[in-house]
């Protein structure tokens, strides 16, 4: 099959008075992965919000960065961050064996809140129909990809698929419901914890309840780990900086229910090729069929490997692996 020359995607303006549009993008040779993101970054860079002044936007953006990093952001760091524009993907149909590696993603401005952008009711409604409710602000774009680790392809997403009765929406909703069914025993634990706290309150012992934390000895604080990880909801995301020449052929990733093995074979130092050793058990089980990874190229030419793991149970992980875990990067 010859490479695709173009693909269709949908634009969902945050202004309800503006009609949704079906757009077509030509694929530059060798830039199938980056072409859409580069175009959307430019669109979001020019988007203005409702905050009164740029000083107010900058102050809110600084606050967000400090909350995410847990560090004080100085003016030099703010200047660098302000010149960056990132695109935040929101997975509506997460790819995996159950979907034949088809992904349907919303793409939004990662600085939409700090810009004071208005709520996108149509995009929020679509996410809700897919069983993945989230608050989306600013313009949004909807696109489809096929990514099975060995190949990456952009496929058409058309305006006539913007319906709650569309097959892909029903499939997405079914997958989300299946995930939530796995969390039943966790809900029982939460209810049990609630009862224990009520009893502690009655006896004035609340302050003596231990805070949940990582198992003793599980965290490696030396900074020797070659990855960073974070979590949000049902997803755990592992990020690994890689060389500009790294391709998918250089990555070996095996995900099992209770452990993963991640290698980047083109690392110049042999000791830096094994990123995550499968000798270390994961904090909790994952759903291998719903896990995926990709290589992301930033505007400055740098690359990173992003691995997204779907938790088998809805619970917060206190560590990534039960031994030798890198500390969590707080969102």
Protein backbone atom coordinates (compact mmCIF):
# COMPACT_ATOMS: atom_id res chain seq x y z
CA UNK A 1 0.00 0.00 0.00
CA UNK A 2 1.39 3.43 -0.94
CA UNK A 3 1.76 6.03 1.85
CA UNK A 4 -1.25 8.22 2.49
CA UNK A 5 -0.99 11.68 0.97
CA UNK A 6 -3.61 13.39 3.16
CA UNK A 7 -6.12 12.84 5.94
CA UNK A 8 -9.31 14.44 7.24
CA UNK A 9 -9.96 15.73 10.74
CA UNK A 10 -12.62 17.81 12.50
CA UNK A 11 -12.41 21.28 14.01
CA UNK A 12 -14.72 21.98 17.00
CA UNK A 13 -14.69 25.73 17.79
CA UNK A 14 -15.35 26.70 21.39
CA UNK A 15 -17.71 29.41 20.11
CA UNK A 16 -21.08 27.64 19.77
CA UNK A 17 -22.10 30.12 17.07
CA UNK A 18 -19.35 28.79 14.80
CA UNK A 19 -20.04 25.61 12.84
CA UNK A 20 -17.81 22.57 13.16
CA UNK A 21 -15.63 21.97 10.11
CA UNK A 22 -14.16 18.97 8.34
CA UNK A 23 -10.60 19.82 7.33
CA UNK A 24 -8.08 18.08 5.10
CA UNK A 25 -4.32 18.14 5.69
CA UNK A 26 -1.64 17.15 3.22
CA UNK A 27 1.04 14.93 4.76
CA UNK A 28 4.59 16.21 4.13
CA UNK A 29 7.01 13.42 3.31
CA UNK A 30 8.47 11.89 6.45
CA UNK A 31 6.35 14.03 8.81
CA UNK A 32 3.17 12.01 9.24
CA UNK A 33 3.52 12.06 13.02
CA UNK A 34 4.39 15.75 13.44
CA UNK A 35 2.32 17.49 10.76
CA UNK A 36 -0.95 17.79 12.70
CA UNK A 37 0.69 18.77 15.99
CA UNK A 38 2.76 21.51 14.33
CA UNK A 39 -0.37 22.97 12.71
CA UNK A 40 -2.36 22.87 15.95
CA UNK A 41 0.46 24.46 17.96
CA UNK A 42 0.33 27.45 15.59
CA UNK A 43 -3.46 27.65 15.93
CA UNK A 44 -3.34 27.55 19.73
CA UNK A 45 -0.44 30.01 19.86
CA UNK A 46 -2.69 32.62 18.24
CA UNK A 47 -5.73 31.88 20.42
CA UNK A 48 -6.72 34.62 22.85
CA UNK A 49 -8.80 34.22 25.96
CA UNK A 50 -11.02 36.24 28.23
CA UNK A 51 -8.49 37.29 30.87
CA UNK A 52 -8.17 41.07 30.93
CA UNK A 53 -4.42 41.52 30.42
CA UNK A 54 -1.38 39.51 29.39
CA UNK A 55 -0.02 40.13 32.90
CA UNK A 56 -3.02 38.29 34.37
CA UNK A 57 -2.50 35.41 31.94
CA UNK A 58 1.19 35.25 32.83
CA UNK A 59 0.42 35.23 36.56
CA UNK A 60 -2.08 32.39 36.17
CA UNK A 61 0.34 30.46 33.95
CA UNK A 62 3.12 30.87 36.53
CA UNK A 63 0.78 29.58 39.25
CA UNK A 64 -0.08 26.52 37.15
CA UNK A 65 3.59 25.75 36.48
CA UNK A 66 4.47 26.07 40.17
CA UNK A 67 1.59 23.80 41.18
CA UNK A 68 2.64 21.19 38.62
CA UNK A 69 6.36 21.28 39.41
CA UNK A 70 6.22 22.00 43.13
CA UNK A 71 8.99 24.57 42.58
CA UNK A 72 9.28 28.35 42.41
CA UNK A 73 9.34 29.52 38.78
CA UNK A 74 11.69 32.45 38.19
CA UNK A 75 11.43 34.99 35.35
CA UNK A 76 13.97 33.20 33.13
CA UNK A 77 12.06 29.94 33.36
CA UNK A 78 8.81 31.81 32.70
CA UNK A 79 10.26 33.34 29.54
CA UNK A 80 11.22 29.90 28.24
CA UNK A 81 7.85 28.38 29.16
CA UNK A 82 5.93 31.30 27.64
CA UNK A 83 7.58 30.75 24.27
CA UNK A 84 6.58 27.10 24.24
CA UNK A 85 3.24 25.93 22.92
CA UNK A 86 2.15 22.36 23.53
CA UNK A 87 -0.83 20.36 22.37
CA UNK A 88 -2.63 18.23 24.93
CA UNK A 89 -4.19 15.01 23.59
CA UNK A 90 -7.36 13.69 25.24
CA UNK A 91 -7.93 10.01 24.48
CA UNK A 92 -11.59 9.34 23.67
CA UNK A 93 -11.03 5.94 22.06
CA UNK A 94 -7.79 4.54 23.54
CA UNK A 95 -5.97 2.26 21.12
CA UNK A 96 -5.23 -1.39 21.84
CA UNK A 97 -5.94 -4.88 20.63
CA UNK A 98 -9.63 -4.38 21.43
CA UNK A 99 -9.79 -1.55 18.86
CA UNK A 100 -7.29 -2.96 16.35
CA UNK A 101 -4.92 -0.20 17.51
CA UNK A 102 -7.28 2.56 16.39
CA UNK A 103 -7.02 5.74 18.50
CA UNK A 104 -9.43 8.69 18.38
CA UNK A 105 -8.06 11.75 20.18
CA UNK A 106 -9.19 15.27 20.97
CA UNK A 107 -6.38 17.82 20.78
CA UNK A 108 -6.63 20.96 22.92
CA UNK A 109 -4.50 23.90 24.05
CA UNK A 110 -2.51 22.86 27.12
CA UNK A 111 -2.51 26.52 28.25
CA UNK A 112 -6.23 27.01 27.70
CA UNK A 113 -7.02 27.58 31.38
CA UNK A 114 -4.25 30.13 31.93
CA UNK A 115 -5.43 31.99 28.81
CA UNK A 116 -8.94 32.10 30.21
CA UNK A 117 -10.42 30.30 27.21
CA UNK A 118 -14.15 29.57 27.32
CA UNK A 119 -15.57 26.09 27.89
CA UNK A 120 -16.08 24.03 24.74
CA UNK A 121 -19.53 22.56 25.39
CA UNK A 122 -19.62 20.44 22.24
CA UNK A 123 -16.23 18.84 22.94
CA UNK A 124 -17.21 18.26 26.59
CA UNK A 125 -20.46 16.64 25.46
CA UNK A 126 -18.63 14.33 23.07
CA UNK A 127 -16.18 13.26 25.79
CA UNK A 128 -19.12 12.51 28.06
CA UNK A 129 -20.77 10.35 25.36
CA UNK A 130 -17.52 8.38 25.13
CA UNK A 131 -17.58 7.69 28.85
CA UNK A 132 -14.55 9.94 29.46
CA UNK A 133 -16.00 13.14 30.97
CA UNK A 134 -13.51 15.99 31.16
CA UNK A 135 -13.61 19.78 31.18
CA UNK A 136 -12.34 21.10 27.84
CA UNK A 137 -11.67 24.77 27.19
CA UNK A 138 -10.82 26.51 23.93
CA UNK A 139 -10.96 25.15 20.40
CA UNK A 140 -10.60 21.40 19.96
CA UNK A 141 -9.65 19.14 17.08
CA UNK A 142 -10.61 15.51 16.60
CA UNK A 143 -8.44 13.06 14.67
CA UNK A 144 -7.89 9.33 14.19
CA UNK A 145 -4.61 7.43 14.11
CA UNK A 146 -3.51 3.83 13.86
CA UNK A 147 -0.51 3.12 16.08
CA UNK A 148 0.48 -0.47 16.85
CA UNK A 149 4.11 0.25 17.81
CA UNK A 150 5.38 -0.99 14.43
CA UNK A 151 3.56 1.55 12.28
CA UNK A 152 1.99 4.96 12.66
CA UNK A 153 -0.71 6.11 10.24
CA UNK A 154 -3.12 9.02 10.17
CA UNK A 155 -6.61 7.96 9.09
CA UNK A 156 -9.64 10.03 8.14
CA UNK A 157 -12.05 11.33 10.75
CA UNK A 158 -15.08 12.94 9.15
CA UNK A 159 -17.83 15.29 10.23
CA UNK A 160 -20.53 12.65 9.82
CA UNK A 161 -18.87 10.67 12.64
CA UNK A 162 -19.70 13.47 15.11
CA UNK A 163 -22.71 11.63 16.48
CA UNK A 164 -23.49 9.84 19.72
CA UNK A 165 -24.71 6.90 17.62
CA UNK A 166 -21.45 6.56 15.70
CA UNK A 167 -19.86 3.08 16.08
CA UNK A 168 -16.59 4.47 17.44
CA UNK A 169 -18.43 6.37 20.21
CA UNK A 170 -20.28 3.23 21.30
CA UNK A 171 -17.01 1.28 21.26
CA UNK A 172 -15.29 3.96 23.37
CA UNK A 173 -18.12 3.99 25.89
CA UNK A 174 -18.06 0.18 26.18
CA UNK A 175 -14.30 0.23 26.90
CA UNK A 176 -14.70 2.91 29.57
CA UNK A 177 -17.49 0.95 31.29
CA UNK A 178 -15.31 -2.19 31.27
CA UNK A 179 -12.53 -0.24 32.99
CA UNK A 180 -14.86 1.02 35.68
CA UNK A 181 -16.16 -2.47 36.39
CA UNK A 182 -12.62 -3.45 37.39
CA UNK A 183 -12.71 -0.89 40.21
CA UNK A 184 -15.54 -2.45 42.24
CA UNK A 185 -13.31 -3.90 44.95
CA UNK A 186 -11.45 -0.58 45.18
CA UNK A 187 -14.75 1.17 45.90
CA UNK A 188 -15.35 -1.32 48.72
CA UNK A 189 -11.95 -0.41 50.15
CA UNK A 190 -12.81 3.28 49.95
CA UNK A 191 -16.08 2.71 51.78
CA UNK A 192 -14.22 0.70 54.42
CA UNK A 193 -11.66 3.49 54.82
CA UNK A 194 -14.53 5.96 55.18
CA UNK A 195 -15.95 3.90 58.03
CA UNK A 196 -12.57 3.74 59.73
CA UNK A 197 -12.19 7.52 59.51
CA UNK A 198 -15.67 8.05 60.95
CA UNK A 199 -14.76 5.84 63.90
CA UNK A 200 -11.47 7.66 64.35
CA UNK A 201 -13.26 11.00 64.36
CA UNK A 202 -15.65 9.81 67.05
CA UNK A 203 -12.69 8.82 69.24
CA UNK A 204 -10.60 11.91 68.38
CA UNK A 205 -7.97 9.68 66.77
CA UNK A 206 -8.08 11.11 63.24
CA UNK A 207 -4.59 12.59 63.49
CA UNK A 208 -3.20 9.14 64.29
CA UNK A 209 -4.35 7.53 61.03
CA UNK A 210 -1.33 6.84 58.81
CA UNK A 211 -1.16 8.60 55.45
CA UNK A 212 -0.82 6.21 52.49
CA UNK A 213 2.66 6.20 51.04
CA UNK A 214 5.11 4.07 49.07
CA UNK A 215 6.31 0.80 50.60
CA UNK A 216 9.58 1.17 52.53
CA UNK A 217 12.61 0.93 50.25
CA UNK A 218 10.62 1.18 47.02
CA UNK A 219 11.73 4.68 45.99
CA UNK A 220 15.18 5.35 44.52
CA UNK A 221 15.93 9.02 45.31
CA UNK A 222 19.44 8.97 43.83
CA UNK A 223 18.28 10.25 40.43
CA UNK A 224 19.83 7.24 38.71
CA UNK A 225 16.62 6.14 37.00
CA UNK A 226 16.46 6.92 33.28
CA UNK A 227 12.74 7.71 33.20
CA UNK A 228 10.14 9.94 34.81
CA UNK A 229 6.59 8.87 35.57
CA UNK A 230 3.32 10.48 36.53
CA UNK A 231 -0.30 9.42 36.82
CA UNK A 232 -3.70 10.88 36.17
CA UNK A 233 -6.89 8.92 36.73
CA UNK A 234 -6.55 5.47 35.16
CA UNK A 235 -3.33 6.22 33.26
CA UNK A 236 0.33 6.00 34.25
CA UNK A 237 2.67 7.83 31.85
CA UNK A 238 6.38 7.04 31.59
CA UNK A 239 8.61 9.56 29.80
CA UNK A 240 12.14 8.85 28.56
CA UNK A 241 14.32 11.41 26.72
CA UNK A 242 15.79 9.82 23.58
CA UNK A 243 18.22 10.90 20.86
CA UNK A 244 17.02 12.85 17.81
CA UNK A 245 17.97 9.85 15.66
CA UNK A 246 15.95 7.36 17.71
CA UNK A 247 13.19 5.56 15.79
CA UNK A 248 10.56 3.01 16.76
CA UNK A 249 12.91 0.28 15.56
CA UNK A 250 15.26 1.23 18.41
CA UNK A 251 12.62 0.66 21.09
CA UNK A 252 11.79 -2.68 22.65
CA UNK A 253 8.75 -2.60 24.90
CA UNK A 254 7.09 -5.65 26.44
CA UNK A 255 4.11 -5.05 28.73
CA UNK A 256 2.79 -7.83 30.93
CA UNK A 257 0.12 -7.59 33.58
CA UNK A 258 2.48 -7.09 36.50
CA UNK A 259 5.74 -5.85 34.95
CA UNK A 260 7.26 -4.23 31.86
CA UNK A 261 10.58 -4.34 30.06
CA UNK A 262 11.56 -1.15 28.23
CA UNK A 263 14.78 -0.79 26.24
CA UNK A 264 16.17 1.90 23.93
CA UNK A 265 18.83 0.08 21.98
CA UNK A 266 20.52 3.08 20.31
CA UNK A 267 21.59 4.73 23.58
CA UNK A 268 25.37 5.41 23.25
CA UNK A 269 26.10 4.05 26.73
CA UNK A 270 25.24 0.37 27.03
CA UNK A 271 24.37 0.92 30.68
CA UNK A 272 21.58 3.34 29.65
CA UNK A 273 19.78 1.04 27.22
CA UNK A 274 17.64 -0.82 29.73
CA UNK A 275 15.17 1.78 31.00
CA UNK A 276 12.78 -0.39 33.04
CA UNK A 277 13.84 -3.88 34.11
CA UNK A 278 11.12 -6.55 34.16
CA UNK A 279 12.81 -8.00 37.24
CA UNK A 280 11.00 -5.24 39.15
CA UNK A 281 7.30 -5.82 39.69
CA UNK A 282 4.93 -2.93 38.94
CA UNK A 283 3.16 -1.27 41.83
CA UNK A 284 -0.13 -2.78 40.65
CA UNK A 285 -1.48 -4.66 37.64
CA UNK A 286 -2.08 -2.99 34.27
CA UNK A 287 -4.25 -3.92 31.28
CA UNK A 288 -1.67 -4.80 28.58
CA UNK A 289 -4.13 -4.61 25.64
CA UNK A 290 -4.87 -0.98 26.45
CA UNK A 291 -1.26 0.18 26.88
CA UNK A 292 0.63 1.98 24.11
CA UNK A 293 3.80 3.95 23.44
CA UNK A 294 5.02 6.48 20.90
CA UNK A 295 8.00 8.68 20.11
CA UNK A 296 7.14 12.38 20.32
CA UNK A 297 9.19 15.04 18.55
CA UNK A 298 9.15 18.55 20.02
CA UNK A 299 9.43 21.74 18.03
CA UNK A 300 13.09 22.18 19.02
CA UNK A 301 13.90 18.81 17.44
CA UNK A 302 14.30 16.91 20.70
CA UNK A 303 12.50 13.60 21.12
CA UNK A 304 11.01 11.66 23.99
CA UNK A 305 9.49 8.23 24.37
CA UNK A 306 6.07 8.21 26.03
CA UNK A 307 4.59 4.99 27.37
CA UNK A 308 1.00 5.06 28.63
CA UNK A 309 -0.09 2.23 30.93
CA UNK A 310 -3.75 1.66 31.77
CA UNK A 311 -4.27 0.66 35.38
CA UNK A 312 -6.06 -2.62 35.98
CA UNK A 313 -7.74 -1.10 39.04
CA UNK A 314 -8.73 2.48 39.79
CA UNK A 315 -6.29 3.32 42.56
CA UNK A 316 -3.47 5.80 43.10
CA UNK A 317 -0.01 4.27 42.75
CA UNK A 318 2.37 5.26 45.59
CA UNK A 319 5.34 4.06 43.47
CA UNK A 320 5.96 2.88 39.90
CA UNK A 321 7.77 -0.36 40.66
CA UNK A 322 7.82 -2.05 44.04
CA UNK A 323 11.60 -1.75 44.17
CA UNK A 324 13.98 0.80 42.64
CA UNK A 325 11.16 3.13 41.55
CA UNK A 326 11.84 6.66 40.37
CA UNK A 327 9.91 9.23 42.44
CA UNK A 328 6.62 10.33 40.93
CA UNK A 329 6.63 13.55 38.92
CA UNK A 330 3.62 15.42 40.33
CA UNK A 331 1.10 16.82 37.86
